[in-house]
Amino acid sequence: MEEPLRALVEKIEGPFQAFVEQTVERLVQDHFANWPKPDPQYTLSEVAELLAVDISTIYSYLKKPVGHLHRLPFVQCTDTPRGKRIRLSDILVWQQHNSSDALSKAKQEEVEQKVAAMGARRRARRGGTSTLA
């Protein structure tokens, strides 16, 4: 009786282990898919590069009064003007609100490629590779 039981366990163990591994993998992926994604911040010169405008244009967007259609929100990171950062989410919302200035689909894809390239350069400078982009 012991021999047939051992053979049965061996036959079940392989597929069962694969099933458990696949289930756990799927659960982990689902769990992390629901986490908030990082919202990278960019310097004013990087934003000017992303939007293909002069940096003085970005400065003018920052100086607009609160509530103005063309105002670009920023995060003050230090007490110097160089400490201003603009979140990617704010750039995207700003583009949507400014429909006359909105990027065409091709231009939007170009911005997304630039964002990905900037992220890759940042990770390379830090000496690591991150799966979060």
N, C-alpha and C. Protein backbone atom coordinates (compact mmCIF):
# COMPACT_ATOMS: atom_id res chain seq x y z
N MET A 1 0.82 -1.19 0.00
CA MET A 1 0.00 0.00 0.00
C MET A 1 0.86 1.26 0.00
N GLU A 2 1.99 1.19 0.66
CA GLU A 2 2.86 2.35 0.76
C GLU A 2 3.44 2.73 -0.60
N GLU A 3 3.83 1.76 -1.39
CA GLU A 3 4.42 1.98 -2.72
C GLU A 3 3.44 2.70 -3.66
N PRO A 4 2.18 2.25 -3.80
CA PRO A 4 1.25 2.96 -4.68
C PRO A 4 0.96 4.38 -4.20
N LEU A 5 0.92 4.58 -2.89
CA LEU A 5 0.69 5.92 -2.34
C LEU A 5 1.84 6.85 -2.68
N ARG A 6 3.06 6.38 -2.54
CA ARG A 6 4.25 7.18 -2.89
C ARG A 6 4.22 7.53 -4.38
N ALA A 7 3.87 6.59 -5.24
CA ALA A 7 3.81 6.84 -6.69
C ALA A 7 2.74 7.88 -7.01
N LEU A 8 1.59 7.80 -6.32
CA LEU A 8 0.52 8.76 -6.53
C LEU A 8 0.96 10.17 -6.10
N VAL A 9 1.61 10.27 -4.97
CA VAL A 9 2.10 11.56 -4.48
C VAL A 9 3.10 12.16 -5.46
N GLU A 10 3.99 11.36 -5.99
CA GLU A 10 4.97 11.86 -6.95
C GLU A 10 4.30 12.36 -8.22
N LYS A 11 3.25 11.67 -8.67
CA LYS A 11 2.54 12.09 -9.88
C LYS A 11 1.78 13.40 -9.65
N ILE A 12 1.25 13.58 -8.47
CA ILE A 12 0.47 14.78 -8.16
C ILE A 12 1.38 15.95 -7.81
N GLU A 13 2.49 15.70 -7.18
CA GLU A 13 3.35 16.75 -6.66
C GLU A 13 3.83 17.72 -7.74
N GLY A 14 4.29 17.24 -8.89
CA GLY A 14 4.80 18.11 -9.95
C GLY A 14 3.75 19.07 -10.48
N PRO A 15 2.60 18.59 -10.98
CA PRO A 15 1.58 19.52 -11.48
C PRO A 15 1.02 20.43 -10.39
N PHE A 16 0.87 19.89 -9.18
CA PHE A 16 0.34 20.71 -8.09
C PHE A 16 1.30 21.85 -7.75
N GLN A 17 2.58 21.55 -7.70
CA GLN A 17 3.58 22.58 -7.41
C GLN A 17 3.57 23.65 -8.49
N ALA A 18 3.47 23.26 -9.76
CA ALA A 18 3.41 24.22 -10.86
C ALA A 18 2.15 25.09 -10.75
N PHE A 19 1.03 24.46 -10.38
CA PHE A 19 -0.22 25.20 -10.20
C PHE A 19 -0.09 26.24 -9.09
N VAL A 20 0.49 25.83 -7.97
CA VAL A 20 0.66 26.75 -6.84
C VAL A 20 1.58 27.91 -7.23
N GLU A 21 2.68 27.62 -7.92
CA GLU A 21 3.60 28.68 -8.34
C GLU A 21 2.92 29.67 -9.29
N GLN A 22 2.15 29.16 -10.25
CA GLN A 22 1.45 30.03 -11.18
C GLN A 22 0.41 30.88 -10.46
N THR A 23 -0.29 30.29 -9.53
CA THR A 23 -1.32 31.02 -8.78
C THR A 23 -0.69 32.13 -7.94
N VAL A 24 0.38 31.80 -7.25
CA VAL A 24 1.06 32.80 -6.43
C VAL A 24 1.61 33.93 -7.31
N GLU A 25 2.21 33.58 -8.43
CA GLU A 25 2.75 34.59 -9.36
C GLU A 25 1.64 35.53 -9.83
N ARG A 26 0.49 34.96 -10.20
CA ARG A 26 -0.63 35.79 -10.66
C ARG A 26 -1.14 36.70 -9.54
N LEU A 27 -1.24 36.18 -8.33
CA LEU A 27 -1.71 36.97 -7.20
C LEU A 27 -0.76 38.12 -6.89
N VAL A 28 0.54 37.86 -6.95
CA VAL A 28 1.54 38.92 -6.70
C VAL A 28 1.45 39.99 -7.78
N GLN A 29 1.33 39.57 -9.04
CA GLN A 29 1.22 40.55 -10.12
C GLN A 29 -0.04 41.39 -9.98
N ASP A 30 -1.16 40.74 -9.64
CA ASP A 30 -2.41 41.48 -9.43
C ASP A 30 -2.29 42.46 -8.28
N HIS A 31 -1.63 42.03 -7.22
CA HIS A 31 -1.46 42.90 -6.06
C HIS A 31 -0.66 44.16 -6.41
N PHE A 32 0.47 43.98 -7.09
CA PHE A 32 1.30 45.13 -7.42
C PHE A 32 0.71 45.97 -8.55
N ALA A 33 -0.13 45.38 -9.39
CA ALA A 33 -0.79 46.16 -10.45
C ALA A 33 -1.74 47.19 -9.85
N ASN A 34 -2.26 46.92 -8.66
CA ASN A 34 -3.19 47.85 -8.01
C ASN A 34 -2.50 48.92 -7.18
N TRP A 35 -1.21 48.82 -7.01
CA TRP A 35 -0.47 49.84 -6.26
C TRP A 35 -0.38 51.11 -7.08
N PRO A 36 -0.29 52.26 -6.43
CA PRO A 36 -0.13 53.49 -7.20
C PRO A 36 1.23 53.51 -7.90
N LYS A 37 1.23 54.04 -9.09
CA LYS A 37 2.47 54.13 -9.86
C LYS A 37 3.22 55.40 -9.43
N PRO A 38 4.54 55.40 -9.52
CA PRO A 38 5.30 56.60 -9.16
C PRO A 38 5.00 57.73 -10.14
N ASP A 39 5.04 58.94 -9.64
CA ASP A 39 4.80 60.12 -10.46
C ASP A 39 6.12 60.89 -10.54
N PRO A 40 6.91 60.62 -11.58
CA PRO A 40 8.22 61.26 -11.66
C PRO A 40 8.11 62.78 -11.76
N GLN A 41 9.13 63.45 -11.24
CA GLN A 41 9.20 64.91 -11.31
C GLN A 41 10.36 65.30 -12.22
N TYR A 42 10.15 66.35 -13.00
CA TYR A 42 11.15 66.78 -13.97
C TYR A 42 11.55 68.22 -13.71
N THR A 43 12.81 68.52 -14.03
CA THR A 43 13.28 69.90 -13.94
C THR A 43 12.63 70.72 -15.05
N LEU A 44 12.74 72.03 -14.92
CA LEU A 44 12.13 72.90 -15.92
C LEU A 44 12.76 72.70 -17.30
N SER A 45 14.06 72.47 -17.34
CA SER A 45 14.70 72.24 -18.63
C SER A 45 14.24 70.93 -19.25
N GLU A 46 14.01 69.91 -18.42
CA GLU A 46 13.51 68.64 -18.94
C GLU A 46 12.08 68.80 -19.48
N VAL A 47 11.26 69.58 -18.78
CA VAL A 47 9.89 69.82 -19.24
C VAL A 47 9.91 70.59 -20.56
N ALA A 48 10.81 71.57 -20.67
CA ALA A 48 10.93 72.30 -21.92
C ALA A 48 11.31 71.35 -23.06
N GLU A 49 12.19 70.41 -22.76
CA GLU A 49 12.58 69.41 -23.77
C GLU A 49 11.40 68.51 -24.13
N LEU A 50 10.64 68.08 -23.11
CA LEU A 50 9.49 67.21 -23.36
C LEU A 50 8.44 67.90 -24.23
N LEU A 51 8.18 69.16 -23.94
CA LEU A 51 7.14 69.89 -24.66
C LEU A 51 7.66 70.58 -25.92
N ALA A 52 8.96 70.49 -26.15
CA ALA A 52 9.59 71.11 -27.33
C ALA A 52 9.32 72.61 -27.38
N VAL A 53 9.52 73.27 -26.23
CA VAL A 53 9.40 74.73 -26.16
C VAL A 53 10.64 75.28 -25.46
N ASP A 54 10.78 76.59 -25.54
CA ASP A 54 11.90 77.25 -24.88
C ASP A 54 11.64 77.27 -23.37
N ILE A 55 12.70 77.24 -22.58
CA ILE A 55 12.53 77.22 -21.12
C ILE A 55 11.86 78.49 -20.62
N SER A 56 12.04 79.61 -21.32
CA SER A 56 11.38 80.85 -20.90
C SER A 56 9.85 80.71 -21.00
N THR A 57 9.38 79.90 -21.93
CA THR A 57 7.94 79.63 -22.03
C THR A 57 7.46 78.88 -20.80
N ILE A 58 8.25 77.92 -20.35
CA ILE A 58 7.89 77.17 -19.14
C ILE A 58 7.84 78.12 -17.94
N TYR A 59 8.84 79.02 -17.82
CA TYR A 59 8.82 79.99 -16.73
C TYR A 59 7.56 80.84 -16.77
N SER A 60 7.14 81.23 -17.96
CA SER A 60 5.93 82.06 -18.06
C SER A 60 4.69 81.27 -17.65
N TYR A 61 4.66 79.97 -17.95
CA TYR A 61 3.52 79.15 -17.53
C TYR A 61 3.48 79.01 -16.01
N LEU A 62 4.64 78.99 -15.37
CA LEU A 62 4.69 78.86 -13.91
C LEU A 62 4.22 80.13 -13.22
N LYS A 63 4.40 81.28 -13.86
CA LYS A 63 4.06 82.57 -13.25
C LYS A 63 2.59 82.95 -13.40
N LYS A 64 1.85 82.20 -14.19
CA LYS A 64 0.43 82.51 -14.37
C LYS A 64 -0.29 82.38 -13.03
N PRO A 65 -1.36 83.18 -12.83
CA PRO A 65 -2.09 83.10 -11.55
C PRO A 65 -2.81 81.76 -11.41
N VAL A 66 -3.04 81.38 -10.17
CA VAL A 66 -3.74 80.12 -9.88
C VAL A 66 -5.12 80.17 -10.54
N GLY A 67 -5.47 79.10 -11.22
CA GLY A 67 -6.75 79.03 -11.90
C GLY A 67 -6.68 79.42 -13.37
N HIS A 68 -5.57 80.03 -13.78
CA HIS A 68 -5.39 80.40 -15.19
C HIS A 68 -5.25 79.12 -16.02
N LEU A 69 -5.83 79.14 -17.22
CA LEU A 69 -5.84 77.95 -18.08
C LEU A 69 -4.44 77.48 -18.43
N HIS A 70 -3.49 78.40 -18.58
CA HIS A 70 -2.14 78.02 -19.00
C HIS A 70 -1.17 77.85 -17.83
N ARG A 71 -1.65 77.99 -16.60
CA ARG A 71 -0.75 77.83 -15.45
C ARG A 71 -0.31 76.37 -15.34
N LEU A 72 0.99 76.20 -15.16
CA LEU A 72 1.57 74.86 -15.01
C LEU A 72 1.98 74.70 -13.55
N PRO A 73 1.31 73.80 -12.81
CA PRO A 73 1.66 73.64 -11.39
C PRO A 73 3.05 73.03 -11.22
N PHE A 74 3.69 73.38 -10.11
CA PHE A 74 5.03 72.86 -9.84
C PHE A 74 5.18 72.55 -8.37
N VAL A 75 6.23 71.82 -8.06
CA VAL A 75 6.58 71.47 -6.69
C VAL A 75 7.87 72.19 -6.35
N GLN A 76 7.86 72.93 -5.25
CA GLN A 76 9.06 73.65 -4.82
C GLN A 76 9.89 72.70 -3.96
N CYS A 77 11.05 72.30 -4.46
CA CYS A 77 11.88 71.32 -3.74
C CYS A 77 12.93 71.98 -2.86
N THR A 78 13.39 73.17 -3.24
CA THR A 78 14.35 73.91 -2.43
C THR A 78 13.95 75.38 -2.45
N ASP A 79 14.74 76.22 -1.79
CA ASP A 79 14.44 77.65 -1.76
C ASP A 79 14.99 78.41 -2.96
N THR A 80 15.53 77.68 -3.92
CA THR A 80 16.09 78.34 -5.10
C THR A 80 15.18 78.10 -6.31
N PRO A 81 15.26 78.96 -7.32
CA PRO A 81 14.46 78.75 -8.53
C PRO A 81 14.79 77.43 -9.22
N ARG A 82 16.01 76.94 -9.03
CA ARG A 82 16.40 75.67 -9.65
C ARG A 82 15.75 74.48 -8.96
N GLY A 83 15.12 74.73 -7.83
CA GLY A 83 14.50 73.65 -7.07
C GLY A 83 13.08 73.32 -7.50
N LYS A 84 12.58 73.97 -8.52
CA LYS A 84 11.22 73.71 -8.98
C LYS A 84 11.19 72.43 -9.82
N ARG A 85 10.21 71.59 -9.53
CA ARG A 85 10.01 70.35 -10.28
C ARG A 85 8.56 70.29 -10.71
N ILE A 86 8.32 69.66 -11.85
CA ILE A 86 6.97 69.51 -12.36
C ILE A 86 6.69 68.02 -12.50
N ARG A 87 5.57 67.59 -11.91
CA ARG A 87 5.19 66.17 -11.96
C ARG A 87 4.66 65.82 -13.35
N LEU A 88 4.93 64.60 -13.76
CA LEU A 88 4.46 64.13 -15.06
C LEU A 88 2.94 64.18 -15.14
N SER A 89 2.27 63.84 -14.07
CA SER A 89 0.80 63.88 -14.07
C SER A 89 0.30 65.30 -14.31
N ASP A 90 0.98 66.30 -13.75
CA ASP A 90 0.58 67.70 -13.97
C ASP A 90 0.80 68.11 -15.42
N ILE A 91 1.88 67.62 -16.03
CA ILE A 91 2.14 67.93 -17.45
C ILE A 91 1.02 67.36 -18.31
N LEU A 92 0.64 66.12 -18.06
CA LEU A 92 -0.39 65.47 -18.86
C LEU A 92 -1.75 66.15 -18.70
N VAL A 93 -2.10 66.52 -17.46
CA VAL A 93 -3.36 67.22 -17.21
C VAL A 93 -3.32 68.59 -17.88
N TRP A 94 -2.19 69.27 -17.79
CA TRP A 94 -2.04 70.59 -18.40
C TRP A 94 -2.25 70.49 -19.91
N GLN A 95 -1.71 69.45 -20.52
CA GLN A 95 -1.88 69.26 -21.97
C GLN A 95 -3.35 69.04 -22.32
N GLN A 96 -4.06 68.30 -21.50
CA GLN A 96 -5.47 68.04 -21.78
C GLN A 96 -6.30 69.31 -21.64
N HIS A 97 -5.99 70.15 -20.65
CA HIS A 97 -6.74 71.39 -20.44
C HIS A 97 -6.49 72.41 -21.54
N ASN A 98 -5.35 72.35 -22.14
CA ASN A 98 -5.00 73.33 -23.17
C ASN A 98 -5.21 72.70 -24.54
N SER A 99 -6.47 72.51 -24.88
CA SER A 99 -6.78 71.79 -26.12
C SER A 99 -6.20 72.48 -27.34
N SER A 100 -6.11 73.82 -27.34
CA SER A 100 -5.52 74.49 -28.50
C SER A 100 -4.02 74.22 -28.58
N ASP A 101 -3.42 73.92 -27.43
CA ASP A 101 -2.00 73.60 -27.39
C ASP A 101 -1.76 72.10 -27.28
N ALA A 102 -2.82 71.32 -27.33
CA ALA A 102 -2.68 69.87 -27.12
C ALA A 102 -1.83 69.25 -28.22
N LEU A 103 -1.11 68.24 -27.81
CA LEU A 103 -0.23 67.57 -28.75
C LEU A 103 -1.02 66.61 -29.63
N SER A 104 -0.62 66.50 -30.85
CA SER A 104 -1.21 65.49 -31.72
C SER A 104 -0.81 64.11 -31.20
N LYS A 105 -1.45 63.09 -31.70
CA LYS A 105 -1.14 61.73 -31.23
C LYS A 105 0.33 61.39 -31.47
N ALA A 106 0.85 61.78 -32.63
CA ALA A 106 2.27 61.50 -32.92
C ALA A 106 3.16 62.26 -31.95
N LYS A 107 2.80 63.50 -31.66
CA LYS A 107 3.60 64.31 -30.74
C LYS A 107 3.52 63.72 -29.33
N GLN A 108 2.33 63.23 -28.94
CA GLN A 108 2.18 62.61 -27.63
C GLN A 108 3.05 61.38 -27.50
N GLU A 109 3.12 60.57 -28.56
CA GLU A 109 3.98 59.39 -28.54
C GLU A 109 5.45 59.80 -28.41
N GLU A 110 5.81 60.91 -29.05
CA GLU A 110 7.18 61.41 -28.95
C GLU A 110 7.49 61.81 -27.51
N VAL A 111 6.53 62.46 -26.85
CA VAL A 111 6.72 62.84 -25.44
C VAL A 111 6.87 61.59 -24.58
N GLU A 112 6.05 60.58 -24.82
CA GLU A 112 6.15 59.35 -24.04
C GLU A 112 7.50 58.67 -24.25
N GLN A 113 8.02 58.71 -25.46
CA GLN A 113 9.34 58.14 -25.72
C GLN A 113 10.42 58.93 -24.99
N LYS A 114 10.30 60.26 -24.99
CA LYS A 114 11.28 61.09 -24.28
C LYS A 114 11.24 60.81 -22.79
N VAL A 115 10.02 60.65 -22.24
CA VAL A 115 9.87 60.35 -20.81
C VAL A 115 10.54 59.02 -20.49
N ALA A 116 10.33 58.02 -21.33
CA ALA A 116 10.95 56.71 -21.11
C ALA A 116 12.47 56.81 -21.19
N ALA A 117 12.97 57.59 -22.15
CA ALA A 117 14.42 57.75 -22.29
C ALA A 117 15.01 58.47 -21.09
N MET A 118 14.31 59.50 -20.60
CA MET A 118 14.80 60.22 -19.40
C MET A 118 14.83 59.29 -18.20
N GLY A 119 13.82 58.46 -18.06
CA GLY A 119 13.80 57.50 -16.95
C GLY A 119 14.94 56.52 -17.04
N ALA A 120 15.23 56.06 -18.24
CA ALA A 120 16.34 55.12 -18.43
C ALA A 120 17.67 55.79 -18.10
N ARG A 121 17.84 57.06 -18.53
CA ARG A 121 19.08 57.78 -18.20
C ARG A 121 19.23 57.97 -16.70
N ARG A 122 18.12 58.28 -16.02
CA ARG A 122 18.19 58.47 -14.56
C ARG A 122 18.58 57.17 -13.87
N ARG A 123 17.97 56.05 -14.30
CA ARG A 123 18.32 54.77 -13.69
C ARG A 123 19.76 54.42 -13.96
N ALA A 124 20.26 54.71 -15.15
CA ALA A 124 21.64 54.41 -15.49
C ALA A 124 22.59 55.24 -14.62
N ARG A 125 22.24 56.52 -14.42
CA ARG A 125 23.09 57.38 -13.57
C ARG A 125 23.13 56.88 -12.15
N ARG A 126 22.03 56.32 -11.69
CA ARG A 126 21.97 55.81 -10.31
C ARG A 126 22.60 54.44 -10.18
N GLY A 127 22.93 53.85 -11.33
CA GLY A 127 23.63 52.57 -11.31
C GLY A 127 22.76 51.37 -11.08
N GLY A 128 21.46 51.53 -11.29
CA GLY A 128 20.59 50.39 -11.10
C GLY A 128 19.51 50.37 -12.14
N THR A 129 18.87 49.24 -12.22
CA THR A 129 17.75 49.13 -13.13
C THR A 129 16.52 48.90 -12.30
N SER A 130 15.50 49.69 -12.55
CA SER A 130 14.27 49.58 -11.82
C SER A 130 13.17 49.11 -12.75
N THR A 131 12.29 48.27 -12.25
CA THR A 131 11.17 47.83 -13.07
C THR A 131 10.06 48.85 -13.04
N LEU A 132 10.12 49.81 -12.10
CA LEU A 132 9.12 50.86 -12.04
C LEU A 132 9.51 51.98 -12.97
N ALA A 133 8.63 52.39 -13.82
CA ALA A 133 8.95 53.47 -14.77
C ALA A 133 8.00 54.59 -14.67
